């Protein structure tokens, strides 16, 4: 049985072999539901990018450790509710799930109050699935424009959760096209089961949890 650190190092090596040094995507180690003692070996190893799905869990788990390690970068990768935005801005450095103008406005207001700018990804509903959050592809141009010009958000990239069991590479390729069209830098896509395909299509952040820590209960 490999430790979480062994698993992480193995994925890190795989990525270095796959792409050139200039384009190695950053691994967001997804720590949701896993206790900090499982995460500490990866922090001590020197990795800085970690992801959580829920604001309350992040505040509880990361507030003290971030004070002790100010270089740590925390990514909000789950659905963000408007009433949790102020707490999210206090603890997170990136938000990967901007999916409505209501949320964009709330983030903008709380950023001004706290004098803190987060890096933000717009979530795209790349498979046009009714049950999934995210911006429709056809609305992306206008949505991006309002977020940047009206609300002054620092939008750095696009994020997606492709339909399960479908041709993910097709969706990832489409994401890269959208990113280039609106001239953004980053793509947050690919998880434990499909990060390799996401990297082939230009992912700059991959979100990996179960392949590092094992399956969640």
N, C-alpha and C. Protein backbone atom coordinates (compact mmCIF):
# COMPACT_ATOMS: atom_id res chain seq x y z
N UNK A 1 0.86 -1.20 0.00
CA UNK A 1 0.00 0.00 0.00
C UNK A 1 0.89 1.24 0.00
N UNK A 2 0.80 2.05 -1.05
CA UNK A 2 1.61 3.26 -1.13
C UNK A 2 0.99 4.36 -0.27
N UNK A 3 1.84 5.24 0.24
CA UNK A 3 1.34 6.39 1.00
C UNK A 3 0.84 7.45 0.03
N UNK A 4 0.11 8.42 0.57
CA UNK A 4 -0.39 9.51 -0.27
C UNK A 4 0.77 10.26 -0.91
N UNK A 5 1.89 10.41 -0.18
CA UNK A 5 3.04 11.12 -0.75
C UNK A 5 3.66 10.33 -1.90
N UNK A 6 3.78 9.01 -1.73
CA UNK A 6 4.30 8.16 -2.83
C UNK A 6 3.43 8.32 -4.08
N UNK A 7 2.13 8.28 -3.87
CA UNK A 7 1.19 8.40 -5.00
C UNK A 7 1.34 9.76 -5.68
N UNK A 8 1.47 10.81 -4.85
CA UNK A 8 1.63 12.16 -5.40
C UNK A 8 2.91 12.26 -6.23
N UNK A 9 4.02 11.76 -5.68
CA UNK A 9 5.31 11.85 -6.38
C UNK A 9 5.27 11.08 -7.70
N UNK A 10 4.58 9.95 -7.68
CA UNK A 10 4.45 9.15 -8.90
C UNK A 10 3.68 9.91 -9.99
N UNK A 11 2.60 10.61 -9.61
CA UNK A 11 1.83 11.41 -10.58
C UNK A 11 2.68 12.59 -11.07
N UNK A 12 3.39 13.20 -10.15
CA UNK A 12 4.26 14.34 -10.50
C UNK A 12 5.30 13.92 -11.55
N UNK A 13 5.91 12.75 -11.34
CA UNK A 13 6.91 12.23 -12.31
C UNK A 13 6.26 11.96 -13.66
N UNK A 14 5.06 11.38 -13.62
CA UNK A 14 4.32 11.07 -14.85
C UNK A 14 4.08 12.35 -15.67
N UNK A 15 3.70 13.42 -14.99
CA UNK A 15 3.44 14.69 -15.66
C UNK A 15 4.71 15.27 -16.28
N UNK A 16 5.81 15.14 -15.55
CA UNK A 16 7.08 15.69 -16.06
C UNK A 16 7.53 14.95 -17.33
N UNK A 17 7.25 13.66 -17.38
CA UNK A 17 7.61 12.86 -18.57
C UNK A 17 6.69 13.20 -19.74
N UNK A 18 5.48 13.58 -19.43
CA UNK A 18 4.44 13.78 -20.45
C UNK A 18 4.60 15.10 -21.20
N UNK A 19 5.03 16.14 -20.47
CA UNK A 19 5.09 17.47 -21.09
C UNK A 19 6.43 18.13 -20.80
N UNK A 20 6.73 19.20 -21.54
CA UNK A 20 7.99 19.92 -21.32
C UNK A 20 7.90 20.72 -20.02
N UNK A 21 9.06 21.08 -19.48
CA UNK A 21 9.12 21.82 -18.21
C UNK A 21 8.30 23.10 -18.24
N UNK A 22 8.21 23.71 -19.41
CA UNK A 22 7.51 25.00 -19.51
C UNK A 22 6.00 24.85 -19.35
N UNK A 23 5.48 23.66 -19.66
CA UNK A 23 4.02 23.50 -19.68
C UNK A 23 3.50 22.48 -18.66
N UNK A 24 4.32 22.13 -17.66
CA UNK A 24 3.85 21.15 -16.67
C UNK A 24 2.64 21.73 -15.93
N UNK A 25 1.49 21.05 -16.01
CA UNK A 25 0.31 21.57 -15.31
C UNK A 25 0.49 21.47 -13.79
N UNK A 26 -0.16 22.36 -13.08
CA UNK A 26 -0.10 22.31 -11.61
C UNK A 26 -1.12 21.29 -11.12
N UNK A 27 -0.69 20.48 -10.16
CA UNK A 27 -1.59 19.50 -9.55
C UNK A 27 -2.28 20.16 -8.36
N UNK A 28 -3.61 20.22 -8.43
CA UNK A 28 -4.38 20.63 -7.26
C UNK A 28 -4.71 19.34 -6.50
N UNK A 29 -4.11 19.17 -5.33
CA UNK A 29 -4.36 17.98 -4.52
C UNK A 29 -5.70 18.20 -3.81
N UNK A 30 -6.69 17.41 -4.21
CA UNK A 30 -8.06 17.60 -3.70
C UNK A 30 -8.21 16.86 -2.38
N UNK A 31 -8.39 17.64 -1.30
CA UNK A 31 -8.33 17.08 0.05
C UNK A 31 -9.69 16.95 0.72
N UNK A 32 -10.76 17.18 -0.04
CA UNK A 32 -12.10 17.13 0.59
C UNK A 32 -12.33 15.79 1.29
N UNK A 33 -12.85 15.85 2.48
CA UNK A 33 -13.16 14.72 3.39
C UNK A 33 -11.93 14.04 3.98
N UNK A 34 -10.74 14.36 3.49
CA UNK A 34 -9.53 13.73 4.06
C UNK A 34 -8.97 14.60 5.18
N UNK A 35 -8.58 13.98 6.31
CA UNK A 35 -8.05 14.76 7.43
C UNK A 35 -6.67 15.32 7.11
N UNK A 36 -6.31 16.37 7.83
CA UNK A 36 -5.05 17.06 7.58
C UNK A 36 -3.83 16.17 7.76
N UNK A 37 -3.92 15.19 8.67
CA UNK A 37 -2.73 14.31 8.86
C UNK A 37 -2.39 13.53 7.59
N UNK A 38 -3.41 13.26 6.77
CA UNK A 38 -3.13 12.59 5.49
C UNK A 38 -2.49 13.53 4.48
N UNK A 39 -2.74 14.82 4.66
CA UNK A 39 -2.28 15.83 3.71
C UNK A 39 -0.89 16.36 4.07
N UNK A 40 -0.56 16.34 5.37
CA UNK A 40 0.69 16.96 5.86
C UNK A 40 1.96 16.47 5.16
N UNK A 41 2.09 15.16 4.87
CA UNK A 41 3.33 14.74 4.18
C UNK A 41 3.53 15.44 2.84
N UNK A 42 2.43 15.75 2.14
CA UNK A 42 2.53 16.42 0.83
C UNK A 42 2.87 17.89 1.03
N UNK A 43 2.34 18.50 2.09
CA UNK A 43 2.71 19.89 2.42
C UNK A 43 4.20 19.95 2.77
N UNK A 44 4.65 19.01 3.61
CA UNK A 44 6.07 19.00 4.04
C UNK A 44 7.00 18.74 2.85
N UNK A 45 6.52 17.99 1.89
CA UNK A 45 7.30 17.72 0.68
C UNK A 45 7.52 19.00 -0.14
N UNK A 46 6.64 19.99 0.08
CA UNK A 46 6.84 21.28 -0.58
C UNK A 46 5.78 21.64 -1.61
N UNK A 47 4.76 20.77 -1.73
CA UNK A 47 3.69 21.09 -2.68
C UNK A 47 2.81 22.20 -2.11
N UNK A 48 2.30 23.09 -2.99
CA UNK A 48 1.56 24.25 -2.47
C UNK A 48 0.09 24.32 -2.89
N UNK A 49 -0.32 23.62 -3.95
CA UNK A 49 -1.70 23.77 -4.47
C UNK A 49 -2.63 22.68 -3.93
N UNK A 50 -3.67 23.11 -3.20
CA UNK A 50 -4.63 22.18 -2.61
C UNK A 50 -6.05 22.66 -2.89
N UNK A 51 -6.98 21.70 -2.98
CA UNK A 51 -8.36 22.05 -3.34
C UNK A 51 -9.38 21.49 -2.37
N UNK A 52 -10.41 22.29 -2.12
CA UNK A 52 -11.53 21.86 -1.28
C UNK A 52 -12.84 22.16 -2.00
N UNK A 53 -13.88 21.38 -1.67
CA UNK A 53 -15.20 21.55 -2.30
C UNK A 53 -16.17 22.35 -1.46
N UNK A 54 -15.92 22.40 -0.15
CA UNK A 54 -16.88 23.06 0.74
C UNK A 54 -16.16 24.12 1.57
N UNK A 55 -16.80 25.28 1.68
CA UNK A 55 -16.19 26.41 2.37
C UNK A 55 -15.98 26.10 3.86
N UNK A 56 -17.01 25.55 4.52
CA UNK A 56 -16.89 25.28 5.96
C UNK A 56 -15.75 24.32 6.28
N UNK A 57 -15.65 23.26 5.47
CA UNK A 57 -14.58 22.29 5.69
C UNK A 57 -13.21 22.95 5.48
N UNK A 58 -13.12 23.81 4.48
CA UNK A 58 -11.85 24.50 4.19
C UNK A 58 -11.43 25.41 5.33
N UNK A 59 -12.39 26.18 5.85
CA UNK A 59 -12.10 27.11 6.95
C UNK A 59 -11.58 26.34 8.17
N UNK A 60 -12.28 25.25 8.49
CA UNK A 60 -11.91 24.43 9.65
C UNK A 60 -10.53 23.79 9.48
N UNK A 61 -10.29 23.27 8.29
CA UNK A 61 -9.08 22.49 8.05
C UNK A 61 -7.84 23.35 7.78
N UNK A 62 -8.03 24.48 7.08
CA UNK A 62 -6.87 25.18 6.52
C UNK A 62 -6.52 26.51 7.19
N UNK A 63 -7.39 27.06 8.05
CA UNK A 63 -7.12 28.40 8.60
C UNK A 63 -5.76 28.44 9.32
N UNK A 64 -5.53 27.53 10.24
CA UNK A 64 -4.28 27.55 11.02
C UNK A 64 -3.07 27.19 10.16
N UNK A 65 -3.23 26.16 9.34
CA UNK A 65 -2.08 25.68 8.56
C UNK A 65 -1.64 26.72 7.52
N UNK A 66 -2.60 27.51 7.02
CA UNK A 66 -2.23 28.57 6.07
C UNK A 66 -1.49 29.72 6.77
N UNK A 67 -1.83 29.98 8.02
CA UNK A 67 -1.10 31.01 8.78
C UNK A 67 0.35 30.59 8.98
N UNK A 68 0.54 29.29 9.24
CA UNK A 68 1.91 28.77 9.46
C UNK A 68 2.68 28.62 8.15
N UNK A 69 1.94 28.41 7.05
CA UNK A 69 2.57 28.22 5.72
C UNK A 69 1.95 29.19 4.73
N UNK A 70 2.37 30.47 4.76
CA UNK A 70 1.70 31.47 3.92
C UNK A 70 1.87 31.25 2.42
N UNK A 71 2.77 30.34 2.04
CA UNK A 71 2.95 30.05 0.60
C UNK A 71 1.88 29.11 0.05
N UNK A 72 1.10 28.47 0.92
CA UNK A 72 0.08 27.52 0.44
C UNK A 72 -1.00 28.25 -0.36
N UNK A 73 -1.45 27.59 -1.42
CA UNK A 73 -2.47 28.16 -2.31
C UNK A 73 -3.70 27.25 -2.26
N UNK A 74 -4.83 27.82 -1.88
CA UNK A 74 -6.04 27.02 -1.71
C UNK A 74 -7.06 27.34 -2.80
N UNK A 75 -7.58 26.29 -3.42
CA UNK A 75 -8.49 26.40 -4.56
C UNK A 75 -9.89 25.94 -4.15
N UNK A 76 -10.89 26.78 -4.39
CA UNK A 76 -12.29 26.39 -4.20
C UNK A 76 -12.76 25.75 -5.49
N UNK A 77 -12.96 24.42 -5.47
CA UNK A 77 -13.29 23.73 -6.72
C UNK A 77 -14.74 23.24 -6.75
N UNK A 78 -15.47 23.45 -5.64
CA UNK A 78 -16.87 23.01 -5.61
C UNK A 78 -17.83 24.15 -5.91
N UNK A 79 -19.09 23.82 -5.91
CA UNK A 79 -20.15 24.81 -6.13
C UNK A 79 -20.13 25.83 -4.99
N UNK A 80 -20.08 27.11 -5.33
CA UNK A 80 -20.00 28.16 -4.30
C UNK A 80 -21.34 28.88 -4.19
N UNK A 81 -21.93 28.84 -2.97
CA UNK A 81 -23.20 29.53 -2.73
C UNK A 81 -22.92 30.98 -2.36
N UNK A 82 -23.81 31.87 -2.77
CA UNK A 82 -23.62 33.31 -2.53
C UNK A 82 -23.41 33.64 -1.05
N UNK A 83 -24.14 32.92 -0.18
CA UNK A 83 -24.05 33.24 1.26
C UNK A 83 -22.73 32.78 1.90
N UNK A 84 -21.91 32.05 1.13
CA UNK A 84 -20.61 31.58 1.66
C UNK A 84 -19.43 32.37 1.07
N UNK A 85 -19.75 33.34 0.22
CA UNK A 85 -18.67 34.02 -0.53
C UNK A 85 -17.69 34.73 0.39
N UNK A 86 -18.20 35.44 1.42
CA UNK A 86 -17.27 36.21 2.27
C UNK A 86 -16.26 35.29 2.96
N UNK A 87 -16.73 34.12 3.41
CA UNK A 87 -15.81 33.18 4.06
C UNK A 87 -14.86 32.56 3.03
N UNK A 88 -15.38 32.36 1.83
CA UNK A 88 -14.54 31.80 0.76
C UNK A 88 -13.38 32.74 0.43
N UNK A 89 -13.68 34.03 0.37
CA UNK A 89 -12.64 35.00 0.02
C UNK A 89 -11.58 35.07 1.11
N UNK A 90 -11.98 34.89 2.36
CA UNK A 90 -11.01 34.90 3.46
C UNK A 90 -10.00 33.75 3.36
N UNK A 91 -10.46 32.56 2.95
CA UNK A 91 -9.60 31.37 3.03
C UNK A 91 -8.99 30.95 1.69
N UNK A 92 -9.70 31.21 0.57
CA UNK A 92 -9.24 30.71 -0.73
C UNK A 92 -8.42 31.75 -1.50
N UNK A 93 -7.62 31.25 -2.43
CA UNK A 93 -6.84 32.10 -3.34
C UNK A 93 -7.39 32.03 -4.77
N UNK A 94 -8.01 30.90 -5.10
CA UNK A 94 -8.62 30.70 -6.41
C UNK A 94 -10.06 30.23 -6.21
N UNK A 95 -10.95 30.64 -7.11
CA UNK A 95 -12.30 30.07 -7.20
C UNK A 95 -12.44 29.49 -8.61
N UNK A 96 -12.78 28.19 -8.68
CA UNK A 96 -12.85 27.51 -9.98
C UNK A 96 -14.27 27.37 -10.50
N UNK A 97 -15.25 27.93 -9.78
CA UNK A 97 -16.63 27.57 -10.09
C UNK A 97 -17.56 28.77 -10.23
N UNK A 98 -17.08 29.83 -10.85
CA UNK A 98 -17.97 30.98 -11.11
C UNK A 98 -18.96 30.59 -12.20
N UNK A 99 -20.27 30.62 -11.86
CA UNK A 99 -21.26 30.09 -12.80
C UNK A 99 -22.51 30.94 -12.92
N UNK A 100 -22.49 32.18 -12.38
CA UNK A 100 -23.66 33.06 -12.54
C UNK A 100 -23.24 34.51 -12.30
N UNK A 101 -24.02 35.44 -12.87
CA UNK A 101 -23.75 36.86 -12.66
C UNK A 101 -24.03 37.27 -11.21
N UNK A 102 -25.01 36.62 -10.59
CA UNK A 102 -25.31 36.89 -9.18
C UNK A 102 -24.08 36.60 -8.32
N UNK A 103 -23.44 35.46 -8.60
CA UNK A 103 -22.24 35.08 -7.85
C UNK A 103 -21.08 36.02 -8.18
N UNK A 104 -20.96 36.41 -9.44
CA UNK A 104 -19.90 37.33 -9.86
C UNK A 104 -20.02 38.65 -9.09
N UNK A 105 -21.25 39.16 -8.99
CA UNK A 105 -21.47 40.44 -8.29
C UNK A 105 -21.12 40.32 -6.81
N UNK A 106 -21.51 39.21 -6.21
CA UNK A 106 -21.25 38.98 -4.78
C UNK A 106 -19.74 38.89 -4.52
N UNK A 107 -19.04 38.17 -5.38
CA UNK A 107 -17.58 38.06 -5.23
C UNK A 107 -16.94 39.45 -5.33
N UNK A 108 -17.39 40.21 -6.31
CA UNK A 108 -16.86 41.56 -6.53
C UNK A 108 -17.05 42.44 -5.29
N UNK A 109 -18.25 42.42 -4.71
CA UNK A 109 -18.54 43.23 -3.52
C UNK A 109 -17.66 42.83 -2.34
N UNK A 110 -17.54 41.51 -2.12
CA UNK A 110 -16.77 41.03 -0.96
C UNK A 110 -15.26 41.25 -1.16
N UNK A 111 -14.80 41.16 -2.41
CA UNK A 111 -13.39 41.45 -2.68
C UNK A 111 -13.06 42.89 -2.31
N UNK A 112 -13.96 43.81 -2.68
CA UNK A 112 -13.73 45.23 -2.37
C UNK A 112 -13.70 45.46 -0.86
N UNK A 113 -14.65 44.83 -0.16
CA UNK A 113 -14.69 44.98 1.31
C UNK A 113 -13.41 44.47 1.95
N UNK A 114 -12.90 43.36 1.43
CA UNK A 114 -11.75 42.71 2.06
C UNK A 114 -10.41 43.12 1.44
N UNK A 115 -10.48 43.96 0.40
CA UNK A 115 -9.27 44.40 -0.32
C UNK A 115 -8.39 43.20 -0.70
N UNK A 116 -9.05 42.22 -1.28
CA UNK A 116 -8.34 40.99 -1.68
C UNK A 116 -8.88 40.55 -3.04
N UNK A 117 -7.97 40.27 -3.96
CA UNK A 117 -8.36 39.80 -5.30
C UNK A 117 -8.05 38.32 -5.43
N UNK A 118 -9.05 37.55 -5.81
CA UNK A 118 -8.83 36.13 -6.07
C UNK A 118 -8.66 35.90 -7.56
N UNK A 119 -8.01 34.79 -7.90
CA UNK A 119 -7.94 34.36 -9.30
C UNK A 119 -9.17 33.48 -9.55
N UNK A 120 -9.84 33.73 -10.65
CA UNK A 120 -11.15 33.11 -10.85
C UNK A 120 -11.25 32.38 -12.19
N UNK A 121 -11.87 31.19 -12.13
CA UNK A 121 -12.19 30.42 -13.33
C UNK A 121 -13.70 30.47 -13.55
N UNK A 122 -14.09 30.64 -14.80
CA UNK A 122 -15.51 30.53 -15.16
C UNK A 122 -15.80 29.05 -15.44
N UNK A 123 -16.81 28.52 -14.78
CA UNK A 123 -17.19 27.12 -15.01
C UNK A 123 -18.09 27.03 -16.24
N UNK A 124 -17.70 26.17 -17.17
CA UNK A 124 -18.44 25.98 -18.42
C UNK A 124 -19.22 24.66 -18.34
N UNK A 125 -20.49 24.72 -18.70
CA UNK A 125 -21.29 23.48 -18.79
C UNK A 125 -21.01 22.88 -20.17
N UNK A 126 -19.86 22.22 -20.28
CA UNK A 126 -19.31 21.82 -21.59
C UNK A 126 -20.15 20.75 -22.28
N UNK A 127 -20.90 19.96 -21.49
CA UNK A 127 -21.75 18.93 -22.09
C UNK A 127 -23.20 19.34 -22.20
N UNK A 128 -23.49 20.62 -21.92
CA UNK A 128 -24.88 21.14 -21.94
C UNK A 128 -25.82 20.22 -21.17
N UNK A 129 -25.43 19.88 -19.93
CA UNK A 129 -26.23 18.96 -19.10
C UNK A 129 -27.13 19.78 -18.16
N UNK A 130 -28.42 19.44 -18.16
CA UNK A 130 -29.39 20.19 -17.34
C UNK A 130 -29.05 20.18 -15.86
N UNK A 131 -28.49 19.05 -15.37
CA UNK A 131 -28.27 18.90 -13.93
C UNK A 131 -26.96 19.53 -13.47
N UNK A 132 -26.15 20.05 -14.40
CA UNK A 132 -24.84 20.60 -14.02
C UNK A 132 -24.82 22.11 -14.05
N UNK A 133 -24.04 22.66 -13.12
CA UNK A 133 -23.81 24.11 -13.10
C UNK A 133 -22.86 24.48 -14.23
N UNK A 134 -22.80 25.77 -14.51
CA UNK A 134 -21.85 26.24 -15.51
C UNK A 134 -22.52 27.11 -16.56
N UNK A 135 -21.70 27.88 -17.24
CA UNK A 135 -22.17 28.81 -18.26
C UNK A 135 -22.32 28.07 -19.58
N UNK A 136 -23.39 28.35 -20.28
CA UNK A 136 -23.59 27.81 -21.62
C UNK A 136 -22.51 28.39 -22.55
N UNK A 137 -21.98 27.55 -23.43
CA UNK A 137 -20.92 27.98 -24.36
C UNK A 137 -21.32 29.26 -25.11
N UNK A 138 -22.56 29.33 -25.56
CA UNK A 138 -23.01 30.48 -26.35
C UNK A 138 -23.07 31.79 -25.55
N UNK A 139 -23.10 31.66 -24.20
CA UNK A 139 -23.18 32.86 -23.35
C UNK A 139 -21.82 33.31 -22.84
N UNK A 140 -20.77 32.56 -23.18
CA UNK A 140 -19.47 32.81 -22.56
C UNK A 140 -18.92 34.21 -22.84
N UNK A 141 -18.96 34.64 -24.09
CA UNK A 141 -18.38 35.95 -24.43
C UNK A 141 -18.99 37.07 -23.61
N UNK A 142 -20.32 37.11 -23.57
CA UNK A 142 -20.99 38.21 -22.86
C UNK A 142 -20.78 38.08 -21.34
N UNK A 143 -20.82 36.84 -20.84
CA UNK A 143 -20.62 36.60 -19.41
C UNK A 143 -19.23 37.06 -18.98
N UNK A 144 -18.22 36.66 -19.74
CA UNK A 144 -16.83 37.04 -19.44
C UNK A 144 -16.69 38.57 -19.43
N UNK A 145 -17.28 39.21 -20.42
CA UNK A 145 -17.18 40.66 -20.56
C UNK A 145 -17.77 41.38 -19.34
N UNK A 146 -18.94 40.93 -18.87
CA UNK A 146 -19.58 41.55 -17.70
C UNK A 146 -18.72 41.32 -16.44
N UNK A 147 -18.21 40.11 -16.29
CA UNK A 147 -17.39 39.77 -15.10
C UNK A 147 -16.16 40.67 -15.00
N UNK A 148 -15.55 40.94 -16.15
CA UNK A 148 -14.30 41.71 -16.15
C UNK A 148 -14.57 43.21 -16.14
N UNK A 149 -15.47 43.65 -17.03
CA UNK A 149 -15.65 45.10 -17.20
C UNK A 149 -16.57 45.70 -16.12
N UNK A 150 -17.64 45.01 -15.80
CA UNK A 150 -18.58 45.57 -14.81
C UNK A 150 -18.15 45.26 -13.38
N UNK A 151 -17.73 44.02 -13.15
CA UNK A 151 -17.44 43.60 -11.78
C UNK A 151 -15.95 43.60 -11.44
N UNK A 152 -15.09 43.81 -12.43
CA UNK A 152 -13.65 43.92 -12.17
C UNK A 152 -13.00 42.65 -11.64
N UNK A 153 -13.54 41.50 -12.02
CA UNK A 153 -12.99 40.24 -11.53
C UNK A 153 -11.73 39.86 -12.30
N UNK A 154 -10.82 39.19 -11.60
CA UNK A 154 -9.58 38.71 -12.21
C UNK A 154 -9.81 37.29 -12.74
N UNK A 155 -10.44 37.22 -13.91
CA UNK A 155 -10.73 35.91 -14.53
C UNK A 155 -9.48 35.41 -15.24
N UNK A 156 -8.94 34.28 -14.77
CA UNK A 156 -7.68 33.76 -15.34
C UNK A 156 -7.90 32.58 -16.29
N UNK A 157 -9.10 31.95 -16.21
CA UNK A 157 -9.28 30.77 -17.05
C UNK A 157 -10.68 30.19 -16.99
N UNK A 158 -10.80 29.01 -17.58
CA UNK A 158 -12.07 28.28 -17.67
C UNK A 158 -11.93 26.92 -16.98
N UNK A 159 -13.04 26.44 -16.45
CA UNK A 159 -13.06 25.13 -15.78
C UNK A 159 -14.24 24.32 -16.28
N UNK A 160 -14.10 22.98 -16.32
CA UNK A 160 -15.25 22.15 -16.67
C UNK A 160 -15.25 20.83 -15.94
N UNK A 161 -16.44 20.23 -15.87
CA UNK A 161 -16.65 18.85 -15.42
C UNK A 161 -17.36 18.16 -16.58
N UNK A 162 -16.64 17.41 -17.40
CA UNK A 162 -17.28 16.82 -18.59
C UNK A 162 -18.29 15.74 -18.22
N UNK A 163 -19.21 15.43 -19.14
CA UNK A 163 -20.18 14.37 -18.87
C UNK A 163 -19.49 13.04 -18.57
N UNK A 164 -20.00 12.32 -17.58
CA UNK A 164 -19.38 11.04 -17.18
C UNK A 164 -19.51 10.01 -18.29
N UNK A 165 -18.42 9.30 -18.51
CA UNK A 165 -18.43 8.18 -19.44
C UNK A 165 -18.51 8.54 -20.90
N UNK A 166 -18.43 9.83 -21.20
CA UNK A 166 -18.48 10.25 -22.61
C UNK A 166 -17.05 10.53 -23.08
N UNK A 167 -16.91 10.96 -24.34
CA UNK A 167 -15.58 11.23 -24.88
C UNK A 167 -15.02 12.53 -24.29
N UNK A 168 -14.30 12.37 -23.16
CA UNK A 168 -13.80 13.55 -22.45
C UNK A 168 -12.84 14.37 -23.29
N UNK A 169 -12.05 13.69 -24.12
CA UNK A 169 -11.03 14.41 -24.90
C UNK A 169 -11.69 15.43 -25.84
N UNK A 170 -12.82 15.06 -26.38
CA UNK A 170 -13.57 15.95 -27.25
C UNK A 170 -13.98 17.23 -26.51
N UNK A 171 -14.47 17.04 -25.28
CA UNK A 171 -14.89 18.17 -24.45
C UNK A 171 -13.69 19.01 -24.02
N UNK A 172 -12.59 18.35 -23.68
CA UNK A 172 -11.39 19.08 -23.27
C UNK A 172 -10.82 19.91 -24.42
N UNK A 173 -10.88 19.33 -25.61
CA UNK A 173 -10.38 20.05 -26.79
C UNK A 173 -11.23 21.31 -27.03
N UNK A 174 -12.55 21.13 -26.84
CA UNK A 174 -13.48 22.25 -27.02
C UNK A 174 -13.18 23.37 -26.00
N UNK A 175 -12.83 22.96 -24.77
CA UNK A 175 -12.48 23.93 -23.72
C UNK A 175 -11.25 24.75 -24.12
N UNK A 176 -10.28 24.07 -24.71
CA UNK A 176 -9.06 24.76 -25.13
C UNK A 176 -9.37 25.80 -26.21
N UNK A 177 -10.26 25.43 -27.13
CA UNK A 177 -10.69 26.36 -28.19
C UNK A 177 -11.37 27.59 -27.59
N UNK A 178 -12.24 27.37 -26.60
CA UNK A 178 -12.95 28.49 -25.94
C UNK A 178 -11.96 29.40 -25.21
N UNK A 179 -11.01 28.78 -24.52
CA UNK A 179 -10.00 29.55 -23.78
C UNK A 179 -9.20 30.46 -24.72
N UNK A 180 -8.79 29.90 -25.85
CA UNK A 180 -8.01 30.67 -26.82
C UNK A 180 -8.84 31.79 -27.45
N UNK A 181 -10.13 31.51 -27.65
CA UNK A 181 -11.01 32.48 -28.29
C UNK A 181 -11.12 33.77 -27.44
N UNK A 182 -11.23 33.59 -26.11
CA UNK A 182 -11.33 34.80 -25.29
C UNK A 182 -9.99 35.16 -24.64
N UNK A 183 -8.93 34.52 -25.15
CA UNK A 183 -7.54 34.88 -24.79
C UNK A 183 -7.28 34.80 -23.29
N UNK A 184 -7.66 33.66 -22.71
CA UNK A 184 -7.34 33.42 -21.30
C UNK A 184 -6.12 32.52 -21.19
N UNK A 185 -5.54 32.50 -20.01
CA UNK A 185 -4.28 31.77 -19.82
C UNK A 185 -4.48 30.32 -19.39
N UNK A 186 -5.45 30.10 -18.48
CA UNK A 186 -5.49 28.81 -17.78
C UNK A 186 -6.73 27.97 -18.08
N UNK A 187 -6.54 26.66 -17.93
CA UNK A 187 -7.63 25.69 -18.05
C UNK A 187 -7.57 24.76 -16.86
N UNK A 188 -8.67 24.69 -16.10
CA UNK A 188 -8.76 23.78 -14.96
C UNK A 188 -9.66 22.63 -15.39
N UNK A 189 -9.04 21.49 -15.70
CA UNK A 189 -9.84 20.34 -16.15
C UNK A 189 -9.02 19.06 -16.01
N UNK A 190 -9.74 17.98 -15.81
CA UNK A 190 -9.09 16.69 -15.60
C UNK A 190 -9.03 16.34 -14.13
N UNK A 191 -9.48 15.10 -13.81
CA UNK A 191 -9.44 14.62 -12.42
C UNK A 191 -8.72 13.26 -12.41
N UNK A 192 -8.87 12.52 -11.32
CA UNK A 192 -8.09 11.28 -11.16
C UNK A 192 -8.25 10.32 -12.33
N UNK A 193 -9.45 10.28 -12.93
CA UNK A 193 -9.70 9.28 -13.98
C UNK A 193 -9.38 9.77 -15.39
N UNK A 194 -9.16 11.09 -15.57
CA UNK A 194 -8.99 11.56 -16.95
C UNK A 194 -7.98 12.72 -17.09
N UNK A 195 -7.10 12.88 -16.08
CA UNK A 195 -6.17 14.02 -16.14
C UNK A 195 -5.19 13.92 -17.31
N UNK A 196 -4.87 12.69 -17.70
CA UNK A 196 -3.92 12.50 -18.80
C UNK A 196 -4.49 13.07 -20.11
N UNK A 197 -5.77 12.78 -20.38
CA UNK A 197 -6.42 13.32 -21.58
C UNK A 197 -6.54 14.84 -21.50
N UNK A 198 -6.82 15.34 -20.29
CA UNK A 198 -6.95 16.79 -20.11
C UNK A 198 -5.63 17.50 -20.42
N UNK A 199 -4.53 16.89 -19.99
CA UNK A 199 -3.20 17.48 -20.24
C UNK A 199 -2.91 17.50 -21.74
N UNK A 200 -3.31 16.43 -22.43
CA UNK A 200 -3.12 16.40 -23.89
C UNK A 200 -3.83 17.56 -24.58
N UNK A 201 -4.89 18.07 -23.94
CA UNK A 201 -5.69 19.16 -24.53
C UNK A 201 -5.38 20.52 -23.91
N UNK A 202 -4.28 20.61 -23.16
CA UNK A 202 -3.84 21.92 -22.70
C UNK A 202 -4.21 22.33 -21.29
N UNK A 203 -4.62 21.36 -20.43
CA UNK A 203 -4.93 21.72 -19.03
C UNK A 203 -3.71 22.33 -18.35
N UNK A 204 -3.94 23.41 -17.61
CA UNK A 204 -2.83 23.98 -16.83
C UNK A 204 -2.98 23.67 -15.34
N UNK A 205 -4.19 23.27 -14.93
CA UNK A 205 -4.43 22.78 -13.57
C UNK A 205 -5.22 21.47 -13.68
N UNK A 206 -4.78 20.43 -12.97
CA UNK A 206 -5.56 19.19 -12.88
C UNK A 206 -5.91 18.97 -11.41
N UNK A 207 -7.11 18.42 -11.17
CA UNK A 207 -7.64 18.31 -9.81
C UNK A 207 -7.66 16.82 -9.41
N UNK A 208 -6.71 16.42 -8.59
CA UNK A 208 -6.53 14.98 -8.31
C UNK A 208 -6.67 14.71 -6.81
N UNK A 209 -7.60 13.80 -6.47
CA UNK A 209 -7.82 13.44 -5.08
C UNK A 209 -7.69 11.95 -4.82
N UNK A 210 -8.64 11.16 -5.37
CA UNK A 210 -8.68 9.74 -5.04
C UNK A 210 -7.45 8.98 -5.51
N UNK A 211 -6.80 9.43 -6.58
CA UNK A 211 -5.60 8.73 -7.06
C UNK A 211 -4.41 8.97 -6.12
N UNK A 212 -4.53 9.98 -5.27
CA UNK A 212 -3.49 10.25 -4.27
C UNK A 212 -3.84 9.62 -2.93
N UNK A 213 -5.07 9.82 -2.47
CA UNK A 213 -5.46 9.41 -1.12
C UNK A 213 -6.22 8.09 -1.06
N UNK A 214 -6.66 7.58 -2.22
CA UNK A 214 -7.55 6.41 -2.20
C UNK A 214 -9.00 6.87 -2.25
N UNK A 215 -9.89 5.90 -2.38
CA UNK A 215 -11.31 6.24 -2.51
C UNK A 215 -11.86 6.84 -1.22
N UNK A 216 -12.79 7.78 -1.38
CA UNK A 216 -13.45 8.37 -0.21
C UNK A 216 -14.51 7.41 0.33
N UNK A 217 -14.77 7.53 1.63
CA UNK A 217 -15.83 6.71 2.23
C UNK A 217 -17.18 7.20 1.74
